[in-house]
Amino acid sequence: MMKTVIQAEKIYFKYSKSYCVLDDVSLSIRSGQIYFLLGANGIGKSTLLKCLCGILKPQQGTIFLDDTDISTLKPGTIAKKIGYVPQSQVSQFPFSIREIVVMGRAPHLGLFESPTQDDYQIADNALVTVGISHIAGKPCDSISGGEWQLCLIARALAQQPEILVLDEPTSHLDLGNQMKILEVIQKVSQNGTTVVMASHFPDHALLIAHHVAIINNNTIAYEGHPDDVITESIIKEVYSVNVKICSITNGVERKICVPIHNHSNTDITWINK
């Protein structure tokens, strides 16, 4: 039976007296899950992820990491358990990709320690896992957006975390790079790592998620299996857009979420709706 690795109880967070972002948010994330957070822009997905990682402290409520109140843990202890990849991050210096990835070993090193050969081997293994070992020697300012996102994921994996937290990892990427990221997430999950991911794409959740939570009106309004949560009525309520949820066959066998433009041809035939 899968154990609970992160649990949030009645989280309340605000940035100012008049701006409440999260209100009465509770969730439970189990080991080995790919757990998707969906919701509109500015609804609090990134804030919730930062709370789950101990980066932000909620004004009310408690977050447990393996049954321990995360507010009582040191950042280094958290970093050994949670690898966090923010929504956007840049490097001020043209480090090589390998150098960026080995920085993920920092939680395992003393204050004045340098990475050992073992640390570089762990970093190299992470590069192989995400499929970019062939650019390990390239300067980080000379690669594509998709390669940079994979580099950041590899750096987080070099921490050897039990949980990987990703904030919008497929945003601003072309279709091919989006699929590469999703394939890496599935691979990491199959290797036993829990993945918590915020996303703008319901269709990505239908493709790989085990559990989906949708944030609306400052709280988790819906959660459960993707097939139960990603419905036409819920997506319209949350995103204010009409969609069709339909199944495709011909060897693919999965559901898709298709936005419907106001002027779309109404004669489209949906397969196995």
C-alpha atoms as a PDB file:
ATOM      1  CA  MET A   1       0.000   0.000   0.000  1.00  0.00           C
ATOM      2  CA  MET A   2       1.315   3.424  -0.946  1.00  0.00           C
ATOM      3  CA  LYS A   3       2.239   5.637   2.002  1.00  0.00           C
ATOM      4  CA  THR A   4       1.417   9.334   2.323  1.00  0.00           C
ATOM      5  CA  VAL A   5       4.561  11.375   1.681  1.00  0.00           C
ATOM      6  CA  ILE A   6       3.096  14.902   1.797  1.00  0.00           C
ATOM      7  CA  GLN A   7      -0.025  15.966   3.633  1.00  0.00           C
ATOM      8  CA  ALA A   8      -1.431  19.483   3.907  1.00  0.00           C
ATOM      9  CA  GLU A   9      -4.087  20.325   6.471  1.00  0.00           C
ATOM     10  CA  LYS A  10      -6.243  23.465   6.231  1.00  0.00           C
ATOM     11  CA  ILE A  11      -3.605  25.684   4.611  1.00  0.00           C
ATOM     12  CA  TYR A  12      -4.277  29.423   4.527  1.00  0.00           C
ATOM     13  CA  PHE A  13      -1.865  31.757   2.750  1.00  0.00           C
ATOM     14  CA  LYS A  14      -1.995  35.426   1.817  1.00  0.00           C
ATOM     15  CA  TYR A  15       0.566  37.887   0.468  1.00  0.00           C
ATOM     16  CA  SER A  16      -1.154  40.956   1.908  1.00  0.00           C
ATOM     17  CA  LYS A  17      -4.059  41.800   4.181  1.00  0.00           C
ATOM     18  CA  SER A  18      -6.454  41.962   1.239  1.00  0.00           C
ATOM     19  CA  TYR A  19      -5.033  39.251  -1.038  1.00  0.00           C
ATOM     20  CA  CYS A  20      -5.862  35.694   0.043  1.00  0.00           C
ATOM     21  CA  VAL A  21      -4.323  33.102  -2.265  1.00  0.00           C
ATOM     22  CA  LEU A  22      -5.074  29.807  -0.510  1.00  0.00           C
ATOM     23  CA  ASP A  23      -7.928  29.185   1.897  1.00  0.00           C
ATOM     24  CA  ASP A  24      -8.612  25.904   3.719  1.00  0.00           C
ATOM     25  CA  VAL A  25      -6.491  23.779   1.366  1.00  0.00           C
ATOM     26  CA  SER A  26      -6.028  20.150   2.368  1.00  0.00           C
ATOM     27  CA  LEU A  27      -4.461  17.386   0.290  1.00  0.00           C
ATOM     28  CA  SER A  28      -2.686  14.076   0.568  1.00  0.00           C
ATOM     29  CA  ILE A  29       0.004  12.894  -1.866  1.00  0.00           C
ATOM     30  CA  ARG A  30       1.011   9.245  -1.899  1.00  0.00           C
ATOM     31  CA  SER A  31       4.336   7.713  -2.815  1.00  0.00           C
ATOM     32  CA  GLY A  32       4.802   6.924  -6.481  1.00  0.00           C
ATOM     33  CA  GLN A  33       1.969   9.164  -7.673  1.00  0.00           C
ATOM     34  CA  ILE A  34       2.093  11.644 -10.511  1.00  0.00           C
ATOM     35  CA  TYR A  35      -0.018  14.308  -8.817  1.00  0.00           C
ATOM     36  CA  PHE A  36      -1.250  17.163 -11.040  1.00  0.00           C
ATOM     37  CA  LEU A  37      -2.342  20.607  -9.848  1.00  0.00           C
ATOM     38  CA  LEU A  38      -4.567  22.362 -12.375  1.00  0.00           C
ATOM     39  CA  GLY A  39      -6.186  25.797 -12.304  1.00  0.00           C
ATOM     40  CA  ALA A  40      -6.293  29.172 -14.006  1.00  0.00           C
ATOM     41  CA  ASN A  41      -3.425  31.658 -14.043  1.00  0.00           C
ATOM     42  CA  GLY A  42      -2.805  33.345 -10.703  1.00  0.00           C
ATOM     43  CA  ILE A  43      -5.018  30.936  -8.793  1.00  0.00           C
ATOM     44  CA  GLY A  44      -2.295  29.805  -6.360  1.00  0.00           C
ATOM     45  CA  LYS A  45      -0.686  26.709  -7.894  1.00  0.00           C
ATOM     46  CA  SER A  46       2.877  28.031  -7.572  1.00  0.00           C
ATOM     47  CA  THR A  47       2.206  29.314  -4.065  1.00  0.00           C
ATOM     48  CA  LEU A  48       0.907  25.934  -2.974  1.00  0.00           C
ATOM     49  CA  LEU A  49       3.932  24.143  -4.426  1.00  0.00           C
ATOM     50  CA  LYS A  50       6.276  26.492  -2.551  1.00  0.00           C
ATOM     51  CA  CYS A  51       4.375  25.806   0.659  1.00  0.00           C
ATOM     52  CA  LEU A  52       4.665  22.055   0.066  1.00  0.00           C
ATOM     53  CA  CYS A  53       8.434  22.470  -0.371  1.00  0.00           C
ATOM     54  CA  GLY A  54       8.876  24.605   2.741  1.00  0.00           C
ATOM     55  CA  ILE A  55       9.902  27.675   0.723  1.00  0.00           C
ATOM     56  CA  LEU A  56       6.837  29.609   1.904  1.00  0.00           C
ATOM     57  CA  LYS A  57       5.224  29.234   5.297  1.00  0.00           C
ATOM     58  CA  PRO A  58       1.416  29.435   5.408  1.00  0.00           C
ATOM     59  CA  GLN A  59      -0.205  31.741   7.954  1.00  0.00           C
ATOM     60  CA  GLN A  60      -2.428  28.881   9.093  1.00  0.00           C
ATOM     61  CA  GLY A  61      -2.410  25.108   8.722  1.00  0.00           C
ATOM     62  CA  THR A  62       0.274  22.454   8.720  1.00  0.00           C
ATOM     63  CA  ILE A  63       2.221  20.604   6.050  1.00  0.00           C
ATOM     64  CA  PHE A  64       3.661  17.212   6.898  1.00  0.00           C
ATOM     65  CA  LEU A  65       6.604  15.657   5.071  1.00  0.00           C
ATOM     66  CA  ASP A  66       6.715  11.959   5.972  1.00  0.00           C
ATOM     67  CA  ASP A  67       4.600  12.665   9.073  1.00  0.00           C
ATOM     68  CA  THR A  68       6.913  15.493  10.245  1.00  0.00           C
ATOM     69  CA  ASP A  69       5.816  19.133  10.346  1.00  0.00           C
ATOM     70  CA  ILE A  70       7.859  20.634   7.506  1.00  0.00           C
ATOM     71  CA  SER A  71       8.283  23.927   9.404  1.00  0.00           C
ATOM     72  CA  THR A  72      10.469  22.087  11.946  1.00  0.00           C
ATOM     73  CA  LEU A  73      12.885  20.760   9.299  1.00  0.00           C
ATOM     74  CA  LYS A  74      16.066  22.441   8.114  1.00  0.00           C
ATOM     75  CA  PRO A  75      16.236  23.433   4.413  1.00  0.00           C
ATOM     76  CA  GLY A  76      19.029  20.910   3.812  1.00  0.00           C
ATOM     77  CA  THR A  77      16.929  18.103   5.237  1.00  0.00           C
ATOM     78  CA  ILE A  78      13.990  19.061   3.014  1.00  0.00           C
ATOM     79  CA  ALA A  79      16.276  19.293  -0.030  1.00  0.00           C
ATOM     80  CA  LYS A  80      17.364  15.691   0.469  1.00  0.00           C
ATOM     81  CA  LYS A  81      13.739  14.608   0.197  1.00  0.00           C
ATOM     82  CA  ILE A  82      12.237  17.153  -2.249  1.00  0.00           C
ATOM     83  CA  GLY A  83      13.719  18.290  -5.546  1.00  0.00           C
ATOM     84  CA  TYR A  84      12.062  21.526  -6.674  1.00  0.00           C
ATOM     85  CA  VAL A  85      12.111  22.935 -10.204  1.00  0.00           C
ATOM     86  CA  PRO A  86      10.668  26.476 -10.310  1.00  0.00           C
ATOM     87  CA  GLN A  87       8.599  27.907 -13.127  1.00  0.00           C
ATOM     88  CA  SER A  88      11.432  30.042 -14.466  1.00  0.00           C
ATOM     89  CA  GLN A  89      15.084  30.264 -13.544  1.00  0.00           C
ATOM     90  CA  VAL A  90      18.160  31.565 -15.336  1.00  0.00           C
ATOM     91  CA  SER A  91      21.869  31.238 -14.718  1.00  0.00           C
ATOM     92  CA  GLN A  92      23.909  34.431 -14.458  1.00  0.00           C
ATOM     93  CA  PHE A  93      27.055  32.586 -15.584  1.00  0.00           C
ATOM     94  CA  PRO A  94      27.701  30.277 -18.555  1.00  0.00           C
ATOM     95  CA  PHE A  95      28.282  27.126 -16.526  1.00  0.00           C
ATOM     96  CA  SER A  96      28.346  23.869 -18.445  1.00  0.00           C
ATOM     97  CA  ILE A  97      25.262  21.669 -18.247  1.00  0.00           C
ATOM     98  CA  ARG A  98      27.188  19.134 -16.177  1.00  0.00           C
ATOM     99  CA  GLU A  99      28.261  21.850 -13.735  1.00  0.00           C
ATOM    100  CA  ILE A 100      24.644  23.005 -13.370  1.00  0.00           C
ATOM    101  CA  VAL A 101      23.433  19.470 -12.701  1.00  0.00           C
ATOM    102  CA  VAL A 102      26.136  18.635 -10.124  1.00  0.00           C
ATOM    103  CA  MET A 103      24.949  21.683  -8.151  1.00  0.00           C
ATOM    104  CA  GLY A 104      22.051  19.455  -7.185  1.00  0.00           C
ATOM    105  CA  ARG A 105      24.466  17.585  -4.915  1.00  0.00           C
ATOM    106  CA  ALA A 106      24.748  20.642  -2.621  1.00  0.00           C
ATOM    107  CA  PRO A 107      22.380  19.269   0.100  1.00  0.00           C
ATOM    108  CA  HIS A 108      24.710  16.274   0.488  1.00  0.00           C
ATOM    109  CA  LEU A 109      27.908  18.335   0.816  1.00  0.00           C
ATOM    110  CA  GLY A 110      29.393  20.243   3.716  1.00  0.00           C
ATOM    111  CA  LEU A 111      29.743  24.036   3.615  1.00  0.00           C
ATOM    112  CA  PHE A 112      33.227  24.030   2.103  1.00  0.00           C
ATOM    113  CA  GLU A 113      33.156  20.650   0.382  1.00  0.00           C
ATOM    114  CA  SER A 114      33.535  20.216  -3.364  1.00  0.00           C
ATOM    115  CA  PRO A 115      31.726  17.548  -5.385  1.00  0.00           C
ATOM    116  CA  THR A 116      33.501  14.197  -5.454  1.00  0.00           C
ATOM    117  CA  GLN A 117      33.751  11.747  -8.322  1.00  0.00           C
ATOM    118  CA  ASP A 118      30.745   9.970  -6.857  1.00  0.00           C
ATOM    119  CA  ASP A 119      28.778  13.233  -6.981  1.00  0.00           C
ATOM    120  CA  TYR A 120      29.720  13.744 -10.625  1.00  0.00           C
ATOM    121  CA  GLN A 121      28.679  10.168 -11.395  1.00  0.00           C
ATOM    122  CA  ILE A 122      25.255  10.829  -9.816  1.00  0.00           C
ATOM    123  CA  ALA A 123      24.970  13.999 -11.906  1.00  0.00           C
ATOM    124  CA  ASP A 124      25.943  12.060 -15.050  1.00  0.00           C
ATOM    125  CA  ASN A 125      23.290   9.449 -14.267  1.00  0.00           C
ATOM    126  CA  ALA A 126      20.705  12.220 -13.960  1.00  0.00           C
ATOM    127  CA  LEU A 127      21.748  13.569 -17.354  1.00  0.00           C
ATOM    128  CA  VAL A 128      21.233  10.106 -18.841  1.00  0.00           C
ATOM    129  CA  THR A 129      17.819   9.811 -17.181  1.00  0.00           C
ATOM    130  CA  VAL A 130      16.536  13.000 -18.831  1.00  0.00           C
ATOM    131  CA  GLY A 131      18.301  12.270 -22.128  1.00  0.00           C
ATOM    132  CA  ILE A 132      20.741  15.188 -22.413  1.00  0.00           C
ATOM    133  CA  SER A 133      24.115  13.589 -21.617  1.00  0.00           C
ATOM    134  CA  HIS A 134      25.211  14.475 -25.151  1.00  0.00           C
ATOM    135  CA  ILE A 135      25.194  18.212 -24.281  1.00  0.00           C
ATOM    136  CA  ALA A 136      26.837  17.861 -20.843  1.00  0.00           C
ATOM    137  CA  GLY A 137      29.789  20.037 -21.882  1.00  0.00           C
ATOM    138  CA  LYS A 138      27.768  22.826 -23.514  1.00  0.00           C
ATOM    139  CA  PRO A 139      27.482  26.254 -21.846  1.00  0.00           C
ATOM    140  CA  CYS A 140      24.024  26.650 -20.353  1.00  0.00           C
ATOM    141  CA  ASP A 141      23.459  29.893 -22.268  1.00  0.00           C
ATOM    142  CA  SER A 142      23.781  28.124 -25.631  1.00  0.00           C
ATOM    143  CA  ILE A 143      20.968  25.564 -25.366  1.00  0.00           C
ATOM    144  CA  SER A 144      17.269  25.558 -26.214  1.00  0.00           C
ATOM    145  CA  GLY A 145      14.428  26.169 -23.780  1.00  0.00           C
ATOM    146  CA  GLY A 146      13.502  22.500 -23.771  1.00  0.00           C
ATOM    147  CA  GLU A 147      17.091  21.442 -23.062  1.00  0.00           C
ATOM    148  CA  TRP A 148      17.316  23.987 -20.233  1.00  0.00           C
ATOM    149  CA  GLN A 149      14.128  22.623 -18.648  1.00  0.00           C
ATOM    150  CA  LEU A 150      15.550  19.100 -18.825  1.00  0.00           C
ATOM    151  CA  CYS A 151      18.782  20.395 -17.290  1.00  0.00           C
ATOM    152  CA  LEU A 152      16.879  21.829 -14.310  1.00  0.00           C
ATOM    153  CA  ILE A 153      15.020  18.548 -13.854  1.00  0.00           C
ATOM    154  CA  ALA A 154      18.334  16.668 -13.985  1.00  0.00           C
ATOM    155  CA  ARG A 155      19.758  19.000 -11.329  1.00  0.00           C
ATOM    156  CA  ALA A 156      16.779  18.255  -9.078  1.00  0.00           C
ATOM    157  CA  LEU A 157      17.191  14.516  -9.696  1.00  0.00           C
ATOM    158  CA  ALA A 158      20.874  14.796  -8.709  1.00  0.00           C
ATOM    159  CA  GLN A 159      19.600  15.603  -5.222  1.00  0.00           C
ATOM    160  CA  GLN A 160      18.310  11.996  -5.213  1.00  0.00           C
ATOM    161  CA  PRO A 161      14.971  13.151  -3.818  1.00  0.00           C
ATOM    162  CA  GLU A 162      11.998  10.989  -2.957  1.00  0.00           C
ATOM    163  CA  ILE A 163       9.685  13.683  -4.340  1.00  0.00           C
ATOM    164  CA  LEU A 164      10.093  15.813  -7.470  1.00  0.00           C
ATOM    165  CA  VAL A 165       8.085  19.056  -7.516  1.00  0.00           C
ATOM    166  CA  LEU A 166       7.706  20.759 -10.907  1.00  0.00           C
ATOM    167  CA  ASP A 167       6.117  24.156 -11.491  1.00  0.00           C
ATOM    168  CA  GLU A 168       4.739  24.444 -15.036  1.00  0.00           C
ATOM    169  CA  PRO A 169       7.570  22.386 -16.592  1.00  0.00           C
ATOM    170  CA  THR A 170       6.026  22.375 -20.083  1.00  0.00           C
ATOM    171  CA  SER A 171       5.130  26.067 -20.302  1.00  0.00           C
ATOM    172  CA  HIS A 172       6.650  27.990 -23.233  1.00  0.00           C
ATOM    173  CA  LEU A 173       7.852  24.764 -24.886  1.00  0.00           C
ATOM    174  CA  ASP A 174       6.960  23.459 -28.328  1.00  0.00           C
ATOM    175  CA  LEU A 175       4.954  20.271 -28.721  1.00  0.00           C
ATOM    176  CA  GLY A 176       7.997  18.040 -29.140  1.00  0.00           C
ATOM    177  CA  ASN A 177       9.695  19.331 -25.993  1.00  0.00           C
ATOM    178  CA  GLN A 178       6.447  19.111 -24.033  1.00  0.00           C
ATOM    179  CA  MET A 179       6.281  15.409 -24.863  1.00  0.00           C
ATOM    180  CA  LYS A 180       9.940  14.904 -23.904  1.00  0.00           C
ATOM    181  CA  ILE A 181       9.249  16.416 -20.485  1.00  0.00           C
ATOM    182  CA  LEU A 182       6.165  14.229 -19.978  1.00  0.00           C
ATOM    183  CA  GLU A 183       8.129  11.128 -20.992  1.00  0.00           C
ATOM    184  CA  VAL A 184      10.851  11.996 -18.456  1.00  0.00           C
ATOM    185  CA  ILE A 185       8.205  12.497 -15.746  1.00  0.00           C
ATOM    186  CA  GLN A 186       6.730   9.069 -16.478  1.00  0.00           C
ATOM    187  CA  LYS A 187      10.189   7.492 -16.442  1.00  0.00           C
ATOM    188  CA  VAL A 188      11.065   9.101 -13.108  1.00  0.00           C
ATOM    189  CA  SER A 189       7.738   7.980 -11.634  1.00  0.00           C
ATOM    190  CA  GLN A 190       8.269   4.418 -12.830  1.00  0.00           C
ATOM    191  CA  ASN A 191      11.630   4.482 -11.042  1.00  0.00           C
ATOM    192  CA  GLY A 192       9.811   5.157  -7.762  1.00  0.00           C
ATOM    193  CA  THR A 193       9.951   8.942  -7.416  1.00  0.00           C
ATOM    194  CA  THR A 194       6.758  10.790  -6.475  1.00  0.00           C
ATOM    195  CA  VAL A 195       6.029  13.682  -8.849  1.00  0.00           C
ATOM    196  CA  VAL A 196       3.961  16.744  -7.940  1.00  0.00           C
ATOM    197  CA  MET A 197       3.363  19.005 -10.921  1.00  0.00           C
ATOM    198  CA  ALA A 198       1.497  22.231 -11.603  1.00  0.00           C
ATOM    199  CA  SER A 199       0.265  22.555 -15.166  1.00  0.00           C
ATOM    200  CA  HIS A 200      -1.841  24.649 -17.523  1.00  0.00           C
ATOM    201  CA  PHE A 201      -2.737  21.626 -19.627  1.00  0.00           C
ATOM    202  CA  PRO A 202      -5.646  19.346 -18.627  1.00  0.00           C
ATOM    203  CA  ASP A 203      -4.764  17.142 -21.576  1.00  0.00           C
ATOM    204  CA  HIS A 204      -1.337  16.423 -20.066  1.00  0.00           C
ATOM    205  CA  ALA A 205      -3.044  15.269 -16.881  1.00  0.00           C
ATOM    206  CA  LEU A 206      -5.270  12.931 -18.899  1.00  0.00           C
ATOM    207  CA  LEU A 207      -2.116  11.554 -20.503  1.00  0.00           C
ATOM    208  CA  ILE A 208       0.069  10.766 -17.459  1.00  0.00           C
ATOM    209  CA  ALA A 209      -1.502  11.763 -14.101  1.00  0.00           C
ATOM    210  CA  HIS A 210      -2.547   9.327 -11.400  1.00  0.00           C
ATOM    211  CA  HIS A 211      -4.353  11.990  -9.357  1.00  0.00           C
ATOM    212  CA  VAL A 212      -5.588  15.500 -10.187  1.00  0.00           C
ATOM    213  CA  ALA A 213      -6.459  18.413  -7.909  1.00  0.00           C
ATOM    214  CA  ILE A 214      -8.074  21.527  -9.394  1.00  0.00           C
ATOM    215  CA  ILE A 215      -7.691  24.832  -7.555  1.00  0.00           C
ATOM    216  CA  ASN A 216     -10.594  27.261  -7.886  1.00  0.00           C
ATOM    217  CA  ASN A 217     -11.806  30.052  -5.622  1.00  0.00           C
ATOM    218  CA  ASN A 218      -8.642  29.798  -3.469  1.00  0.00           C
ATOM    219  CA  THR A 219      -9.091  26.157  -2.542  1.00  0.00           C
ATOM    220  CA  ILE A 220      -9.067  22.649  -4.002  1.00  0.00           C
ATOM    221  CA  ALA A 221     -12.475  22.527  -5.589  1.00  0.00           C
ATOM    222  CA  TYR A 222     -12.172  19.104  -7.207  1.00  0.00           C
ATOM    223  CA  GLU A 223      -9.808  16.180  -6.898  1.00  0.00           C
ATOM    224  CA  GLY A 224      -9.609  12.544  -7.826  1.00  0.00           C
ATOM    225  CA  HIS A 225      -8.811  10.325 -10.798  1.00  0.00           C
ATOM    226  CA  PRO A 226      -8.285  12.341 -14.012  1.00  0.00           C
ATOM    227  CA  ASP A 227     -11.295  10.710 -15.700  1.00  0.00           C
ATOM    228  CA  ASP A 228     -13.538  11.818 -12.831  1.00  0.00           C
ATOM    229  CA  VAL A 229     -12.183  15.348 -12.421  1.00  0.00           C
ATOM    230  CA  ILE A 230     -11.399  16.511 -15.957  1.00  0.00           C
ATOM    231  CA  THR A 231     -14.924  16.830 -17.286  1.00  0.00           C
ATOM    232  CA  GLU A 232     -16.496  19.294 -19.695  1.00  0.00           C
ATOM    233  CA  SER A 233     -18.545  21.007 -16.977  1.00  0.00           C
ATOM    234  CA  ILE A 234     -15.661  21.340 -14.494  1.00  0.00           C
ATOM    235  CA  ILE A 235     -13.206  22.648 -17.080  1.00  0.00           C
ATOM    236  CA  LYS A 236     -15.756  25.213 -18.264  1.00  0.00           C
ATOM    237  CA  GLU A 237     -16.330  26.346 -14.671  1.00  0.00           C
ATOM    238  CA  VAL A 238     -12.616  26.655 -13.882  1.00  0.00           C
ATOM    239  CA  TYR A 239     -11.259  28.060 -17.155  1.00  0.00           C
ATOM    240  CA  SER A 240     -14.371  29.722 -18.624  1.00  0.00           C
ATOM    241  CA  VAL A 241     -13.950  27.875 -21.881  1.00  0.00           C
ATOM    242  CA  ASN A 242     -15.978  25.216 -23.655  1.00  0.00           C
ATOM    243  CA  VAL A 243     -14.212  21.901 -24.213  1.00  0.00           C
ATOM    244  CA  LYS A 244     -14.989  18.451 -25.454  1.00  0.00           C
ATOM    245  CA  ILE A 245     -13.669  15.439 -23.558  1.00  0.00           C
ATOM    246  CA  CYS A 246     -13.548  12.569 -25.982  1.00  0.00           C
ATOM    247  CA  SER A 247     -11.846   9.238 -26.457  1.00  0.00           C
ATOM    248  CA  ILE A 248      -9.619   8.305 -29.339  1.00  0.00           C
ATOM    249  CA  THR A 249      -8.987   4.764 -30.464  1.00  0.00           C
ATOM    250  CA  ASN A 250      -7.033   3.354 -33.422  1.00  0.00           C
ATOM    251  CA  GLY A 251      -4.246   2.058 -31.163  1.00  0.00           C
ATOM    252  CA  VAL A 252      -3.962   5.144 -28.951  1.00  0.00           C
ATOM    253  CA  GLU A 253      -6.755   4.447 -26.464  1.00  0.00           C
ATOM    254  CA  ARG A 254      -6.858   7.602 -24.379  1.00  0.00           C
ATOM    255  CA  LYS A 255      -9.038  10.591 -23.599  1.00  0.00           C
ATOM    256  CA  ILE A 256      -8.263  14.085 -24.860  1.00  0.00           C
ATOM    257  CA  CYS A 257      -9.421  17.544 -23.819  1.00  0.00           C
ATOM    258  CA  VAL A 258     -10.158  19.746 -26.827  1.00  0.00           C
ATOM    259  CA  PRO A 259     -10.964  23.479 -26.490  1.00  0.00           C
ATOM    260  CA  ILE A 260     -13.907  24.545 -28.636  1.00  0.00           C
ATOM    261  CA  HIS A 261     -13.683  27.905 -30.373  1.00  0.00           C
ATOM    262  CA  ASN A 262     -16.935  29.883 -30.536  1.00  0.00           C
ATOM    263  CA  HIS A 263     -16.859  29.699 -34.320  1.00  0.00           C
ATOM    264  CA  SER A 264     -15.793  26.056 -34.583  1.00  0.00           C
ATOM    265  CA  ASN A 265     -17.629  23.812 -37.010  1.00  0.00           C
ATOM    266  CA  THR A 266     -20.477  22.263 -35.029  1.00  0.00           C
ATOM    267  CA  ASP A 267     -20.607  19.274 -37.389  1.00  0.00           C
ATOM    268  CA  ILE A 268     -17.464  17.683 -35.919  1.00  0.00           C
ATOM    269  CA  THR A 269     -18.016  14.031 -35.052  1.00  0.00           C
ATOM    270  CA  TRP A 270     -16.480  12.945 -31.727  1.00  0.00           C
ATOM    271  CA  ILE A 271     -15.441   9.329 -31.336  1.00  0.00           C
ATOM    272  CA  ASN A 272     -16.705   7.432 -28.290  1.00  0.00           C
ATOM    273  CA  LYS A 273     -17.681  10.550 -26.357  1.00  0.00           C
END
